Amino acid sequence: MWKRFLSFVIAVFLVIFILQNFDIVEMQFIFGPPVQIPLAIAIGIGFLSGYALSFFSNKIRMFKERKKNLEAS
């Protein structure tokens, strides 16, 4: 229960932080010309990328542990 509450609090702070940062920034990707986007979108993309990386790495770890446990039984 406390993890869900903590996640909610962090999400609220993230939304407040994003809403206060609508300045235009220039992002340079590996390929292509620089792109000008609002800082809020850049922060959101970074947050979602980190969340997805964490989510999928956790799923892969769980899959490997289940496979190991099935082979051991």
PDB file of N, CA and C in Angstrom:
ATOM      1  N   MET A   1       0.819  -1.194   0.000  1.00  0.00           N
ATOM      2  CA  MET A   1       0.000   0.000   0.000  1.00  0.00           C
ATOM      3  C   MET A   1       0.863   1.258   0.000  1.00  0.00           C
ATOM      4  N   TRP A   2       1.946   1.234   0.777  1.00  0.00           N
ATOM      5  CA  TRP A   2       2.787   2.429   0.868  1.00  0.00           C
ATOM      6  C   TRP A   2       3.530   2.687  -0.438  1.00  0.00           C
ATOM      7  N   LYS A   3       3.817   1.629  -1.206  1.00  0.00           N
ATOM      8  CA  LYS A   3       4.479   1.820  -2.502  1.00  0.00           C
ATOM      9  C   LYS A   3       3.558   2.559  -3.470  1.00  0.00           C
ATOM     10  N   ARG A   4       2.292   2.212  -3.456  1.00  0.00           N
ATOM     11  CA  ARG A   4       1.334   2.879  -4.334  1.00  0.00           C
ATOM     12  C   ARG A   4       1.192   4.346  -3.945  1.00  0.00           C
ATOM     13  N   PHE A   5       1.144   4.619  -2.642  1.00  0.00           N
ATOM     14  CA  PHE A   5       1.045   5.992  -2.164  1.00  0.00           C
ATOM     15  C   PHE A   5       2.288   6.789  -2.562  1.00  0.00           C
ATOM     16  N   LEU A   6       3.463   6.195  -2.376  1.00  0.00           N
ATOM     17  CA  LEU A   6       4.706   6.864  -2.735  1.00  0.00           C
ATOM     18  C   LEU A   6       4.765   7.126  -4.245  1.00  0.00           C
ATOM     19  N   SER A   7       4.321   6.170  -5.044  1.00  0.00           N
ATOM     20  CA  SER A   7       4.291   6.361  -6.492  1.00  0.00           C
ATOM     21  C   SER A   7       3.348   7.500  -6.867  1.00  0.00           C
ATOM     22  N   PHE A   8       2.218   7.581  -6.195  1.00  0.00           N
ATOM     23  CA  PHE A   8       1.266   8.657  -6.457  1.00  0.00           C
ATOM     24  C   PHE A   8       1.864  10.014  -6.104  1.00  0.00           C
ATOM     25  N   VAL A   9       2.534  10.104  -4.968  1.00  0.00           N
ATOM     26  CA  VAL A   9       3.147  11.368  -4.543  1.00  0.00           C
ATOM     27  C   VAL A   9       4.227  11.793  -5.539  1.00  0.00           C
ATOM     28  N   ILE A  10       5.047  10.866  -5.964  1.00  0.00           N
ATOM     29  CA  ILE A  10       6.096  11.177  -6.937  1.00  0.00           C
ATOM     30  C   ILE A  10       5.477  11.623  -8.261  1.00  0.00           C
ATOM     31  N   ALA A  11       4.405  10.964  -8.687  1.00  0.00           N
ATOM     32  CA  ALA A  11       3.741  11.344  -9.929  1.00  0.00           C
ATOM     33  C   ALA A  11       3.164  12.760  -9.837  1.00  0.00           C
ATOM     34  N   VAL A  12       2.583  13.108  -8.685  1.00  0.00           N
ATOM     35  CA  VAL A  12       2.031  14.455  -8.507  1.00  0.00           C
ATOM     36  C   VAL A  12       3.150  15.489  -8.590  1.00  0.00           C
ATOM     37  N   PHE A  13       4.274  15.237  -7.903  1.00  0.00           N
ATOM     38  CA  PHE A  13       5.395  16.173  -7.966  1.00  0.00           C
ATOM     39  C   PHE A  13       5.945  16.283  -9.385  1.00  0.00           C
ATOM     40  N   LEU A  14       5.992  15.174 -10.108  1.00  0.00           N
ATOM     41  CA  LEU A  14       6.472  15.198 -11.487  1.00  0.00           C
ATOM     42  C   LEU A  14       5.555  16.042 -12.367  1.00  0.00           C
ATOM     43  N   VAL A  15       4.253  15.883 -12.204  1.00  0.00           N
ATOM     44  CA  VAL A  15       3.308  16.671 -12.999  1.00  0.00           C
ATOM     45  C   VAL A  15       3.461  18.158 -12.684  1.00  0.00           C
ATOM     46  N   ILE A  16       3.581  18.504 -11.412  1.00  0.00           N
ATOM     47  CA  ILE A  16       3.773  19.911 -11.027  1.00  0.00           C
ATOM     48  C   ILE A  16       5.063  20.449 -11.642  1.00  0.00           C
ATOM     49  N   PHE A  17       6.137  19.671 -11.576  1.00  0.00           N
ATOM     50  CA  PHE A  17       7.422  20.087 -12.137  1.00  0.00           C
ATOM     51  C   PHE A  17       7.317  20.291 -13.644  1.00  0.00           C
ATOM     52  N   ILE A  18       6.651  19.369 -14.325  1.00  0.00           N
ATOM     53  CA  ILE A  18       6.504  19.474 -15.774  1.00  0.00           C
ATOM     54  C   ILE A  18       5.688  20.704 -16.153  1.00  0.00           C
ATOM     55  N   LEU A  19       4.609  20.960 -15.425  1.00  0.00           N
ATOM     56  CA  LEU A  19       3.739  22.088 -15.755  1.00  0.00           C
ATOM     57  C   LEU A  19       4.421  23.439 -15.546  1.00  0.00           C
ATOM     58  N   GLN A  20       5.468  23.476 -14.753  1.00  0.00           N
ATOM     59  CA  GLN A  20       6.189  24.724 -14.526  1.00  0.00           C
ATOM     60  C   GLN A  20       7.315  24.938 -15.538  1.00  0.00           C
ATOM     61  N   ASN A  21       7.525  23.994 -16.430  1.00  0.00           N
ATOM     62  CA  ASN A  21       8.648  24.070 -17.369  1.00  0.00           C
ATOM     63  C   ASN A  21       8.172  23.958 -18.809  1.00  0.00           C
ATOM     64  N   PHE A  22       7.618  25.037 -19.333  1.00  0.00           N
ATOM     65  CA  PHE A  22       7.168  25.041 -20.720  1.00  0.00           C
ATOM     66  C   PHE A  22       8.058  25.888 -21.615  1.00  0.00           C
ATOM     67  N   ASP A  23       9.290  26.125 -21.215  1.00  0.00           N
ATOM     68  CA  ASP A  23      10.240  26.839 -22.076  1.00  0.00           C
ATOM     69  C   ASP A  23      10.604  25.942 -23.261  1.00  0.00           C
ATOM     70  N   ILE A  24      10.947  26.569 -24.368  1.00  0.00           N
ATOM     71  CA  ILE A  24      11.354  25.825 -25.562  1.00  0.00           C
ATOM     72  C   ILE A  24      12.846  25.505 -25.458  1.00  0.00           C
ATOM     73  N   VAL A  25      13.185  24.242 -25.680  1.00  0.00           N
ATOM     74  CA  VAL A  25      14.587  23.810 -25.660  1.00  0.00           C
ATOM     75  C   VAL A  25      14.904  23.127 -26.980  1.00  0.00           C
ATOM     76  N   GLU A  26      16.171  23.089 -27.306  1.00  0.00           N
ATOM     77  CA  GLU A  26      16.618  22.434 -28.527  1.00  0.00           C
ATOM     78  C   GLU A  26      17.247  21.098 -28.162  1.00  0.00           C
ATOM     79  N   MET A  27      16.721  20.020 -28.753  1.00  0.00           N
ATOM     80  CA  MET A  27      17.257  18.678 -28.496  1.00  0.00           C
ATOM     81  C   MET A  27      17.977  18.182 -29.735  1.00  0.00           C
ATOM     82  N   GLN A  28      19.154  17.644 -29.537  1.00  0.00           N
ATOM     83  CA  GLN A  28      19.939  17.079 -30.633  1.00  0.00           C
ATOM     84  C   GLN A  28      19.936  15.561 -30.473  1.00  0.00           C
ATOM     85  N   PHE A  29      19.336  14.890 -31.434  1.00  0.00           N
ATOM     86  CA  PHE A  29      19.334  13.438 -31.430  1.00  0.00           C
ATOM     87  C   PHE A  29      20.544  12.942 -32.203  1.00  0.00           C
ATOM     88  N   ILE A  30      20.772  11.654 -32.201  1.00  0.00           N
ATOM     89  CA  ILE A  30      21.940  11.097 -32.881  1.00  0.00           C
ATOM     90  C   ILE A  30      21.880  11.388 -34.381  1.00  0.00           C
ATOM     91  N   PHE A  31      20.704  11.187 -34.970  1.00  0.00           N
ATOM     92  CA  PHE A  31      20.530  11.430 -36.396  1.00  0.00           C
ATOM     93  C   PHE A  31      19.531  12.562 -36.595  1.00  0.00           C
ATOM     94  N   GLY A  32      19.722  13.325 -37.621  1.00  0.00           N
ATOM     95  CA  GLY A  32      18.771  14.363 -37.971  1.00  0.00           C
ATOM     96  C   GLY A  32      19.118  15.712 -37.381  1.00  0.00           C
ATOM     97  N   PRO A  33      18.358  16.703 -37.794  1.00  0.00           N
ATOM     98  CA  PRO A  33      18.602  18.069 -37.319  1.00  0.00           C
ATOM     99  C   PRO A  33      18.091  18.252 -35.886  1.00  0.00           C
ATOM    100  N   PRO A  34      18.561  19.299 -35.213  1.00  0.00           N
ATOM    101  CA  PRO A  34      18.043  19.581 -33.862  1.00  0.00           C
ATOM    102  C   PRO A  34      16.545  19.890 -33.908  1.00  0.00           C
ATOM    103  N   VAL A  35      15.856  19.526 -32.842  1.00  0.00           N
ATOM    104  CA  VAL A  35      14.414  19.717 -32.749  1.00  0.00           C
ATOM    105  C   VAL A  35      14.127  20.638 -31.572  1.00  0.00           C
ATOM    106  N   GLN A  36      13.238  21.601 -31.769  1.00  0.00           N
ATOM    107  CA  GLN A  36      12.843  22.485 -30.679  1.00  0.00           C
ATOM    108  C   GLN A  36      11.500  22.015 -30.135  1.00  0.00           C
ATOM    109  N   ILE A  37      11.486  21.660 -28.844  1.00  0.00           N
ATOM    110  CA  ILE A  37      10.265  21.189 -28.185  1.00  0.00           C
ATOM    111  C   ILE A  37      10.183  21.822 -26.808  1.00  0.00           C
ATOM    112  N   PRO A  38       8.989  21.838 -26.215  1.00  0.00           N
ATOM    113  CA  PRO A  38       8.873  22.344 -24.847  1.00  0.00           C
ATOM    114  C   PRO A  38       9.634  21.448 -23.861  1.00  0.00           C
ATOM    115  N   LEU A  39      10.221  22.072 -22.877  1.00  0.00           N
ATOM    116  CA  LEU A  39      10.973  21.331 -21.866  1.00  0.00           C
ATOM    117  C   LEU A  39      10.098  20.303 -21.171  1.00  0.00           C
ATOM    118  N   ALA A  40       8.810  20.599 -20.990  1.00  0.00           N
ATOM    119  CA  ALA A  40       7.892  19.661 -20.345  1.00  0.00           C
ATOM    120  C   ALA A  40       7.814  18.349 -21.110  1.00  0.00           C
ATOM    121  N   ILE A  41       7.802  18.431 -22.432  1.00  0.00           N
ATOM    122  CA  ILE A  41       7.744  17.206 -23.242  1.00  0.00           C
ATOM    123  C   ILE A  41       9.051  16.431 -23.123  1.00  0.00           C
ATOM    124  N   ALA A  42      10.173  17.131 -23.111  1.00  0.00           N
ATOM    125  CA  ALA A  42      11.470  16.463 -22.957  1.00  0.00           C
ATOM    126  C   ALA A  42      11.552  15.752 -21.606  1.00  0.00           C
ATOM    127  N   ILE A  43      11.069  16.391 -20.556  1.00  0.00           N
ATOM    128  CA  ILE A  43      11.058  15.763 -19.227  1.00  0.00           C
ATOM    129  C   ILE A  43      10.145  14.548 -19.236  1.00  0.00           C
ATOM    130  N   GLY A  44       8.980  14.696 -19.846  1.00  0.00           N
ATOM    131  CA  GLY A  44       8.039  13.575 -19.926  1.00  0.00           C
ATOM    132  C   GLY A  44       8.607  12.393 -20.690  1.00  0.00           C
ATOM    133  N   ILE A  45       9.279  12.665 -21.803  1.00  0.00           N
ATOM    134  CA  ILE A  45       9.905  11.596 -22.582  1.00  0.00           C
ATOM    135  C   ILE A  45      10.976  10.891 -21.760  1.00  0.00           C
ATOM    136  N   GLY A  46      11.766  11.666 -21.039  1.00  0.00           N
ATOM    137  CA  GLY A  46      12.799  11.065 -20.187  1.00  0.00           C
ATOM    138  C   GLY A  46      12.202  10.210 -19.090  1.00  0.00           C
ATOM    139  N   PHE A  47      11.132  10.692 -18.480  1.00  0.00           N
ATOM    140  CA  PHE A  47      10.481   9.926 -17.420  1.00  0.00           C
ATOM    141  C   PHE A  47       9.897   8.630 -17.962  1.00  0.00           C
ATOM    142  N   LEU A  48       9.178   8.715 -19.083  1.00  0.00           N
ATOM    143  CA  LEU A  48       8.566   7.516 -19.656  1.00  0.00           C
ATOM    144  C   LEU A  48       9.611   6.516 -20.143  1.00  0.00           C
ATOM    145  N   SER A  49      10.716   7.010 -20.682  1.00  0.00           N
ATOM    146  CA  SER A  49      11.792   6.117 -21.123  1.00  0.00           C
ATOM    147  C   SER A  49      12.399   5.373 -19.938  1.00  0.00           C
ATOM    148  N   GLY A  50      12.633   6.085 -18.856  1.00  0.00           N
ATOM    149  CA  GLY A  50      13.173   5.447 -17.655  1.00  0.00           C
ATOM    150  C   GLY A  50      12.215   4.442 -17.060  1.00  0.00           C
ATOM    151  N   TYR A  51      10.932   4.781 -17.050  1.00  0.00           N
ATOM    152  CA  TYR A  51       9.926   3.868 -16.522  1.00  0.00           C
ATOM    153  C   TYR A  51       9.861   2.600 -17.369  1.00  0.00           C
ATOM    154  N   ALA A  52       9.858   2.763 -18.697  1.00  0.00           N
ATOM    155  CA  ALA A  52       9.790   1.606 -19.588  1.00  0.00           C
ATOM    156  C   ALA A  52      11.026   0.723 -19.432  1.00  0.00           C
ATOM    157  N   LEU A  53      12.188   1.327 -19.331  1.00  0.00           N
ATOM    158  CA  LEU A  53      13.419   0.559 -19.143  1.00  0.00           C
ATOM    159  C   LEU A  53      13.373  -0.243 -17.852  1.00  0.00           C
ATOM    160  N   SER A  54      12.936   0.390 -16.782  1.00  0.00           N
ATOM    161  CA  SER A  54      12.818  -0.291 -15.494  1.00  0.00           C
ATOM    162  C   SER A  54      11.783  -1.412 -15.553  1.00  0.00           C
ATOM    163  N   PHE A  55      10.639  -1.152 -16.162  1.00  0.00           N
ATOM    164  CA  PHE A  55       9.562  -2.131 -16.248  1.00  0.00           C
ATOM    165  C   PHE A  55      10.013  -3.374 -17.005  1.00  0.00           C
ATOM    166  N   PHE A  56      10.590  -3.163 -18.183  1.00  0.00           N
ATOM    167  CA  PHE A  56      10.976  -4.310 -19.001  1.00  0.00           C
ATOM    168  C   PHE A  56      12.173  -5.069 -18.428  1.00  0.00           C
ATOM    169  N   SER A  57      13.105  -4.384 -17.798  1.00  0.00           N
ATOM    170  CA  SER A  57      14.218  -5.102 -17.186  1.00  0.00           C
ATOM    171  C   SER A  57      13.726  -5.940 -16.010  1.00  0.00           C
ATOM    172  N   ASN A  58      12.735  -5.442 -15.274  1.00  0.00           N
ATOM    173  CA  ASN A  58      12.160  -6.215 -14.177  1.00  0.00           C
ATOM    174  C   ASN A  58      11.418  -7.439 -14.710  1.00  0.00           C
ATOM    175  N   LYS A  59      10.687  -7.283 -15.807  1.00  0.00           N
ATOM    176  CA  LYS A  59       9.966  -8.412 -16.402  1.00  0.00           C
ATOM    177  C   LYS A  59      10.939  -9.478 -16.900  1.00  0.00           C
ATOM    178  N   ILE A  60      12.044  -9.068 -17.498  1.00  0.00           N
ATOM    179  CA  ILE A  60      13.044 -10.030 -17.974  1.00  0.00           C
ATOM    180  C   ILE A  60      13.649 -10.781 -16.797  1.00  0.00           C
ATOM    181  N   ARG A  61      13.959 -10.066 -15.709  1.00  0.00           N
ATOM    182  CA  ARG A  61      14.519 -10.719 -14.522  1.00  0.00           C
ATOM    183  C   ARG A  61      13.538 -11.726 -13.941  1.00  0.00           C
ATOM    184  N   MET A  62      12.260 -11.350 -13.861  1.00  0.00           N
ATOM    185  CA  MET A  62      11.245 -12.261 -13.330  1.00  0.00           C
ATOM    186  C   MET A  62      11.099 -13.492 -14.227  1.00  0.00           C
ATOM    187  N   PHE A  63      11.151 -13.296 -15.542  1.00  0.00           N
ATOM    188  CA  PHE A  63      11.047 -14.408 -16.471  1.00  0.00           C
ATOM    189  C   PHE A  63      12.205 -15.382 -16.287  1.00  0.00           C
ATOM    190  N   LYS A  64      13.409 -14.856 -16.124  1.00  0.00           N
ATOM    191  CA  LYS A  64      14.582 -15.713 -15.925  1.00  0.00           C
ATOM    192  C   LYS A  64      14.487 -16.480 -14.617  1.00  0.00           C
ATOM    193  N   GLU A  65      13.999 -15.835 -13.549  1.00  0.00           N
ATOM    194  CA  GLU A  65      13.849 -16.518 -12.269  1.00  0.00           C
ATOM    195  C   GLU A  65      12.806 -17.621 -12.344  1.00  0.00           C
ATOM    196  N   ARG A  66      11.693 -17.379 -13.027  1.00  0.00           N
ATOM    197  CA  ARG A  66      10.668 -18.413 -13.181  1.00  0.00           C
ATOM    198  C   ARG A  66      11.204 -19.591 -13.976  1.00  0.00           C
ATOM    199  N   LYS A  67      11.936 -19.294 -15.045  1.00  0.00           N
ATOM    200  CA  LYS A  67      12.507 -20.357 -15.868  1.00  0.00           C
ATOM    201  C   LYS A  67      13.488 -21.179 -15.048  1.00  0.00           C
ATOM    202  N   LYS A  68      14.296 -20.527 -14.235  1.00  0.00           N
ATOM    203  CA  LYS A  68      15.273 -21.220 -13.382  1.00  0.00           C
ATOM    204  C   LYS A  68      14.557 -22.090 -12.361  1.00  0.00           C
ATOM    205  N   ASN A  69      13.472 -21.580 -11.768  1.00  0.00           N
ATOM    206  CA  ASN A  69      12.712 -22.346 -10.776  1.00  0.00           C
ATOM    207  C   ASN A  69      12.018 -23.546 -11.413  1.00  0.00           C
ATOM    208  N   LEU A  70      11.512 -23.410 -12.642  1.00  0.00           N
ATOM    209  CA  LEU A  70      10.876 -24.523 -13.319  1.00  0.00           C
ATOM    210  C   LEU A  70      11.883 -25.607 -13.668  1.00  0.00           C
ATOM    211  N   GLU A  71      13.084 -25.206 -14.067  1.00  0.00           N
ATOM    212  CA  GLU A  71      14.119 -26.186 -14.385  1.00  0.00           C
ATOM    213  C   GLU A  71      14.606 -26.907 -13.144  1.00  0.00           C
ATOM    214  N   ALA A  72      14.589 -26.241 -11.992  1.00  0.00           N
ATOM    215  CA  ALA A  72      15.052 -26.850 -10.749  1.00  0.00           C
ATOM    216  C   ALA A  72      14.052 -27.860 -10.193  1.00  0.00           C
ATOM    217  N   SER A  73      12.756 -27.685 -10.529  1.00  0.00           N
ATOM    218  CA  SER A  73      11.750 -28.590  -9.968  1.00  0.00           C
ATOM    219  C   SER A  73      11.614 -29.856 -10.745  1.00  0.00           C
TER     220      SER A  73
END
